[in-house]
Each structure stands twice: as structure tokens, then as C-alpha cells.
N, C-alpha and C. Protein backbone atom coordinates (compact mmCIF):
# COMPACT_ATOMS: atom_id res chain seq x y z
N MET A 1 -9.60 28.99 3.74
CA MET A 1 -9.58 28.39 2.64
C MET A 1 -10.08 27.11 3.30
N ARG A 2 -10.59 26.31 2.89
CA ARG A 2 -11.34 24.85 3.27
C ARG A 2 -9.91 23.74 3.73
N ASN A 3 -10.22 23.07 4.11
CA ASN A 3 -9.19 22.01 5.05
C ASN A 3 -9.37 20.51 3.82
N GLY A 4 -10.29 20.50 3.79
CA GLY A 4 -10.90 19.30 2.44
C GLY A 4 -12.02 18.55 3.58
N TYR A 5 -12.52 17.88 2.85
CA TYR A 5 -13.64 16.94 3.01
C TYR A 5 -13.70 15.83 3.81
N LYS A 6 -13.94 15.55 4.97
CA LYS A 6 -14.09 14.38 5.60
C LYS A 6 -13.90 13.29 5.16
N ILE A 7 -13.50 12.13 5.28
CA ILE A 7 -14.00 10.53 4.73
C ILE A 7 -14.48 9.89 5.35
N GLU A 8 -15.96 9.47 5.06
CA GLU A 8 -16.42 8.15 5.81
C GLU A 8 -16.94 7.17 5.30
N TRP A 9 -16.48 6.56 5.83
CA TRP A 9 -17.05 4.71 5.20
C TRP A 9 -18.46 4.31 5.66
N THR A 10 -19.36 3.71 4.58
CA THR A 10 -20.41 2.95 5.06
C THR A 10 -20.00 1.51 5.26
N GLU A 11 -20.77 1.25 6.05
CA GLU A 11 -20.86 -0.41 5.98
C GLU A 11 -20.15 -1.21 4.99
N GLU A 12 -21.12 -0.91 4.15
CA GLU A 12 -20.51 -1.98 2.68
C GLU A 12 -19.38 -1.80 2.17
N ALA A 13 -18.74 -0.21 2.10
CA ALA A 13 -17.53 0.03 1.69
C ALA A 13 -16.24 -0.39 2.40
N ASP A 14 -16.64 -0.38 3.80
CA ASP A 14 -15.31 -1.09 4.91
C ASP A 14 -15.60 -2.85 4.53
N GLN A 15 -16.88 -3.31 4.31
CA GLN A 15 -16.68 -5.05 3.86
C GLN A 15 -16.31 -5.07 2.80
N CYS A 16 -16.41 -3.90 1.71
CA CYS A 16 -15.32 -4.86 0.71
C CYS A 16 -13.70 -4.17 0.14
N LEU A 17 -13.60 -3.54 1.36
CA LEU A 17 -11.78 -3.44 1.78
C LEU A 17 -11.69 -4.53 2.17
N ASP A 18 -12.14 -4.81 3.59
CA ASP A 18 -11.95 -6.03 3.95
C ASP A 18 -11.66 -7.25 2.92
N ASP A 19 -12.61 -7.69 1.72
CA ASP A 19 -12.73 -8.50 1.05
C ASP A 19 -11.31 -8.57 0.19
N ILE A 20 -10.89 -7.11 -0.65
CA ILE A 20 -10.07 -6.34 -0.87
C ILE A 20 -8.68 -7.50 -0.44
N ILE A 21 -8.81 -6.64 0.51
CA ILE A 21 -7.12 -7.15 1.70
C ILE A 21 -7.32 -8.39 1.69
N GLU A 22 -8.01 -9.01 2.54
CA GLU A 22 -7.97 -10.75 2.35
C GLU A 22 -7.52 -11.18 0.99
N TYR A 23 -8.51 -10.83 -0.20
CA TYR A 23 -8.04 -11.54 -1.68
C TYR A 23 -6.21 -11.53 -2.01
N LEU A 24 -6.03 -10.12 -1.92
CA LEU A 24 -4.64 -9.93 -2.22
C LEU A 24 -3.94 -10.61 -1.37
N LYS A 25 -3.92 -10.29 -0.05
CA LYS A 25 -2.77 -11.15 0.89
C LYS A 25 -3.05 -12.74 0.39
N GLU A 26 -4.32 -12.99 -0.14
CA GLU A 26 -4.56 -14.59 0.05
C GLU A 26 -3.39 -14.98 -1.41
N GLU A 27 -3.92 -14.34 -2.66
CA GLU A 27 -3.29 -14.73 -3.59
C GLU A 27 -2.07 -13.86 -4.38
N TRP A 28 -1.67 -12.36 -3.74
CA TRP A 28 -0.90 -11.97 -4.50
C TRP A 28 -0.03 -11.73 -3.46
N GLY A 29 -0.03 -11.72 -2.45
CA GLY A 29 1.08 -11.23 -1.20
C GLY A 29 0.97 -9.82 -0.93
N GLU A 30 2.27 -9.51 -0.01
CA GLU A 30 1.90 -8.30 0.73
C GLU A 30 2.53 -7.57 -0.29
N LYS A 31 2.99 -7.64 -1.21
CA LYS A 31 3.49 -5.95 -1.99
C LYS A 31 2.33 -6.00 -2.61
N ALA A 32 1.70 -6.61 -2.95
CA ALA A 32 0.42 -5.97 -3.75
C ALA A 32 -0.50 -5.42 -2.80
N LEU A 33 -0.65 -6.15 -1.71
CA LEU A 33 -1.17 -5.27 -0.81
C LEU A 33 -1.10 -4.27 -0.35
N SER A 34 0.55 -3.95 -0.21
CA SER A 34 1.10 -2.41 -0.05
C SER A 34 0.74 -1.62 -1.05
N ASP A 35 1.10 -1.95 -2.27
CA ASP A 35 0.96 -1.17 -3.45
C ASP A 35 -0.80 -0.57 -3.79
N PHE A 36 -1.88 -1.49 -3.67
CA PHE A 36 -3.03 -1.06 -3.44
C PHE A 36 -3.62 -0.44 -2.30
N ALA A 37 -2.39 -0.32 -0.87
CA ALA A 37 -2.82 0.27 0.08
C ALA A 37 -2.76 2.04 -0.07
N ARG A 38 -1.23 2.08 -0.96
CA ARG A 38 -0.76 3.24 -1.02
C ARG A 38 -1.55 3.75 -2.20
N LYS A 39 -1.92 3.25 -3.35
CA LYS A 39 -2.59 4.05 -4.20
C LYS A 39 -4.62 4.49 -3.73
N LEU A 40 -4.55 3.60 -3.03
CA LEU A 40 -6.25 3.97 -2.10
C LEU A 40 -5.51 5.13 -1.21
N GLN A 41 -4.76 4.99 -0.77
CA GLN A 41 -4.26 6.45 0.41
C GLN A 41 -4.56 7.83 -0.81
N LYS A 42 -3.48 7.65 -1.75
CA LYS A 42 -3.26 8.60 -2.45
C LYS A 42 -4.68 9.42 -2.80
N ARG A 43 -5.62 7.89 -3.43
CA ARG A 43 -7.19 8.52 -4.05
C ARG A 43 -7.65 9.25 -2.87
N LEU A 44 -8.13 8.52 -1.77
CA LEU A 44 -8.59 9.33 -0.89
C LEU A 44 -8.16 10.67 -0.22
N GLU A 45 -7.02 10.67 -0.55
CA GLU A 45 -6.30 12.47 -0.17
C GLU A 45 -6.93 13.24 -1.03
N LEU A 46 -6.74 12.80 -2.57
CA LEU A 46 -7.84 13.88 -3.38
C LEU A 46 -9.15 13.86 -3.20
N LEU A 47 -9.74 13.11 -3.02
CA LEU A 47 -10.87 12.84 -2.91
C LEU A 47 -11.69 14.35 -1.67
N ALA A 48 -10.79 13.95 -0.90
CA ALA A 48 -10.91 15.23 0.28
C ALA A 48 -10.70 16.18 0.23
N ILE A 49 -9.70 16.70 -1.15
CA ILE A 49 -9.50 18.13 -1.21
C ILE A 49 -10.43 18.40 -2.59
N ARG A 50 -10.40 17.34 -3.60
CA ARG A 50 -11.42 17.98 -4.87
C ARG A 50 -12.16 16.47 -5.07
N PRO A 51 -13.65 16.49 -4.47
CA PRO A 51 -14.49 15.27 -4.55
C PRO A 51 -15.56 15.65 -6.24
N LEU A 52 -15.42 16.47 -6.43
CA LEU A 52 -15.81 16.53 -7.72
C LEU A 52 -15.21 16.62 -8.70
N LEU A 53 -14.09 15.89 -8.46
CA LEU A 53 -13.34 15.62 -9.90
C LEU A 53 -13.66 14.64 -10.83
N PHE A 54 -14.33 13.55 -10.05
CA PHE A 54 -14.58 12.37 -11.19
C PHE A 54 -15.97 12.62 -11.27
N PRO A 55 -16.40 11.58 -12.32
CA PRO A 55 -17.81 11.98 -12.90
C PRO A 55 -18.67 11.12 -12.12
N LYS A 56 -20.06 11.92 -12.17
CA LYS A 56 -21.45 11.49 -11.64
C LYS A 56 -21.45 9.82 -12.49
N SER A 57 -21.76 8.77 -11.48
CA SER A 57 -22.07 7.56 -11.70
C SER A 57 -23.29 7.55 -12.62
N SER A 58 -23.54 6.83 -13.77
CA SER A 58 -23.76 6.46 -14.82
C SER A 58 -25.54 6.24 -14.47
N ARG A 59 -25.57 5.46 -12.64
CA ARG A 59 -27.05 4.79 -12.55
C ARG A 59 -27.77 5.21 -11.71
N ARG A 60 -26.88 6.70 -10.86
CA ARG A 60 -27.36 7.47 -9.90
C ARG A 60 -26.59 8.81 -9.95
N SER A 61 -27.06 9.99 -10.44
CA SER A 61 -26.93 10.96 -10.42
C SER A 61 -25.97 11.72 -9.39
N THR A 62 -26.62 10.66 -8.05
CA THR A 62 -26.34 11.70 -6.60
C THR A 62 -24.72 11.10 -5.89
N SER A 63 -24.32 10.23 -7.08
CA SER A 63 -22.83 9.64 -6.69
C SER A 63 -22.21 9.79 -7.67
N ARG A 64 -20.96 9.39 -7.45
CA ARG A 64 -19.96 9.74 -8.11
C ARG A 64 -19.27 8.39 -8.50
N ARG A 65 -18.12 8.24 -9.46
CA ARG A 65 -17.26 7.17 -9.69
C ARG A 65 -15.19 7.52 -9.71
N SER A 66 -14.55 6.77 -9.14
CA SER A 66 -13.41 6.68 -9.65
C SER A 66 -13.21 5.44 -9.50
N VAL A 67 -12.26 5.34 -10.65
CA VAL A 67 -11.55 4.05 -10.92
C VAL A 67 -10.48 4.32 -10.62
N LEU A 68 -10.33 3.17 -9.37
CA LEU A 68 -9.08 3.17 -8.77
C LEU A 68 -7.97 2.47 -9.04
N THR A 69 -8.13 1.26 -10.09
CA THR A 69 -7.26 0.26 -10.61
C THR A 69 -8.56 -0.15 -11.63
N LYS A 70 -7.84 -0.87 -12.64
CA LYS A 70 -8.86 -1.49 -13.36
C LYS A 70 -9.57 -3.05 -13.07
N GLN A 71 -9.44 -3.16 -12.01
CA GLN A 71 -10.58 -4.34 -11.49
C GLN A 71 -11.04 -3.42 -9.86
N ILE A 72 -10.60 -2.46 -9.64
CA ILE A 72 -11.69 -1.47 -8.27
C ILE A 72 -12.19 -0.12 -8.62
N THR A 73 -13.46 0.30 -8.76
CA THR A 73 -13.86 1.70 -8.66
C THR A 73 -14.80 1.85 -7.57
N ILE A 74 -14.44 3.14 -7.10
CA ILE A 74 -15.23 3.68 -5.58
C ILE A 74 -15.80 4.38 -5.86
N TYR A 75 -17.34 4.27 -5.66
CA TYR A 75 -18.24 4.95 -5.46
C TYR A 75 -18.58 5.43 -4.23
N TYR A 76 -19.14 6.92 -4.23
CA TYR A 76 -18.98 7.71 -3.55
C TYR A 76 -20.34 9.00 -3.68
N LYS A 77 -20.11 9.28 -2.48
CA LYS A 77 -21.42 10.05 -2.43
C LYS A 77 -20.50 11.99 -1.83
N VAL A 78 -21.09 12.80 -2.20
CA VAL A 78 -20.28 14.05 -1.42
C VAL A 78 -21.74 14.85 -0.74
N ASN A 79 -21.23 15.11 0.64
CA ASN A 79 -22.34 15.97 1.26
C ASN A 79 -21.76 17.23 1.38
N ARG A 80 -22.05 17.68 2.09
CA ARG A 80 -21.84 19.32 2.72
C ARG A 80 -20.40 19.42 2.83
N ASP A 81 -19.91 18.35 3.87
CA ASP A 81 -18.37 18.72 4.14
C ASP A 81 -17.88 17.24 4.65
N THR A 82 -18.82 16.79 3.78
CA THR A 82 -18.41 14.82 4.16
C THR A 82 -17.90 14.16 2.62
N VAL A 83 -17.17 13.10 2.16
CA VAL A 83 -17.11 12.42 0.86
C VAL A 83 -17.62 10.93 1.92
N LEU A 84 -18.88 10.13 1.55
CA LEU A 84 -19.22 8.91 2.00
C LEU A 84 -18.91 7.85 1.04
N LEU A 85 -18.28 7.18 1.34
CA LEU A 85 -17.90 6.04 0.49
C LEU A 85 -18.52 5.10 0.56
N LEU A 86 -19.32 4.63 -0.34
CA LEU A 86 -20.39 3.47 -0.60
C LEU A 86 -19.97 2.59 -1.12
N SER A 87 -19.09 2.11 -1.92
CA SER A 87 -18.38 0.80 -2.18
C SER A 87 -17.02 0.96 -3.03
N LEU A 88 -16.38 -0.30 -2.64
CA LEU A 88 -15.51 -0.29 -3.71
C LEU A 88 -15.29 -1.65 -4.50
N PHE A 89 -16.20 -1.69 -5.43
CA PHE A 89 -16.58 -2.33 -6.21
C PHE A 89 -15.36 -3.14 -7.38
N ASP A 90 -15.27 -4.42 -7.35
CA ASP A 90 -14.76 -5.45 -8.13
C ASP A 90 -15.19 -5.53 -9.32
N ASN A 91 -15.19 -4.51 -10.45
CA ASN A 91 -15.28 -4.43 -11.71
C ASN A 91 -15.27 -5.89 -12.54
N ARG A 92 -14.98 -6.66 -11.63
CA ARG A 92 -14.89 -8.16 -12.65
C ARG A 92 -16.20 -8.89 -12.13
N LYS A 93 -17.16 -8.55 -11.62
CA LYS A 93 -18.64 -8.55 -10.83
C LYS A 93 -19.56 -8.20 -11.75
N ASN A 94 -20.58 -9.04 -12.03
CA ASN A 94 -21.71 -8.56 -12.60
C ASN A 94 -22.16 -7.10 -12.08
N PRO A 95 -22.06 -6.18 -13.19
CA PRO A 95 -22.64 -4.77 -13.03
C PRO A 95 -24.21 -4.27 -12.72
N LEU A 96 -24.94 -5.38 -12.54
CA LEU A 96 -26.05 -5.17 -11.99
C LEU A 96 -25.74 -5.12 -10.60
N LYS A 97 -24.69 -5.45 -10.13
CA LYS A 97 -24.68 -5.17 -8.51
C LYS A 97 -24.28 -4.22 -8.05
N ARG A 98 -23.58 -3.09 -8.62
CA ARG A 98 -22.78 -1.73 -8.93
C ARG A 98 -24.05 -1.14 -7.97
N PRO A 99 -23.34 -0.72 -6.56
CA PRO A 99 -24.22 0.58 -6.07
C PRO A 99 -25.00 1.55 -6.69
N LYS A 100 -25.98 1.85 -6.02
CA LYS A 100 -26.74 2.60 -6.81
C LYS A 100 -26.75 4.09 -6.61
């Protein structure tokens, strides 16, 4: 039985995460940051086990999207044995700036 997919981060996804962390710390405090971190960890664990669970992106059929919160959507690609995180997109931004 397969142990799961490896999660890899692109530079863009890593930068998005840094921006989200900074925003949550400054505007909402440690509790909000802790809640977000817990949700993200659970979702990444789910993606590692069942990466095809979430729908394909409407902009590009090779990537998928998972709504983490009403503000954040995770865009990712599934490769042979990895899940490549493309972006943690802030849904309040211009939709034309979403990853392709």
C-alpha cells in the first residue's frame, strides 16, 4: 500500500504562506494564526493521501484547487509521487492573478 504523496512547495506558494502568516500575526493575532496552521496541516495531510479528491482548476486542467477557507484556495499539481503546491491564493485578490 502506498504511504502517500510527498508535498513540495514552489517559491510562489512559499511566499504566499509567508504573506498569510505575516498578515494573520499583525491583524488577527496568534490564535488566528494557530487556527490557520492547524487547518493547513490537516489539508496537506489529506492532499498527501488523496490528492485527486479536489476538483481540477477551471483555468488549467493540469492543476487542482482546494478551498481551505473562504479567503484561501490552494492550487496544486499532482505528479507521479508528489503534490506540488503552486499557490495559496487569497480569494479577495483579482481572480485574473490566480495561478494557471
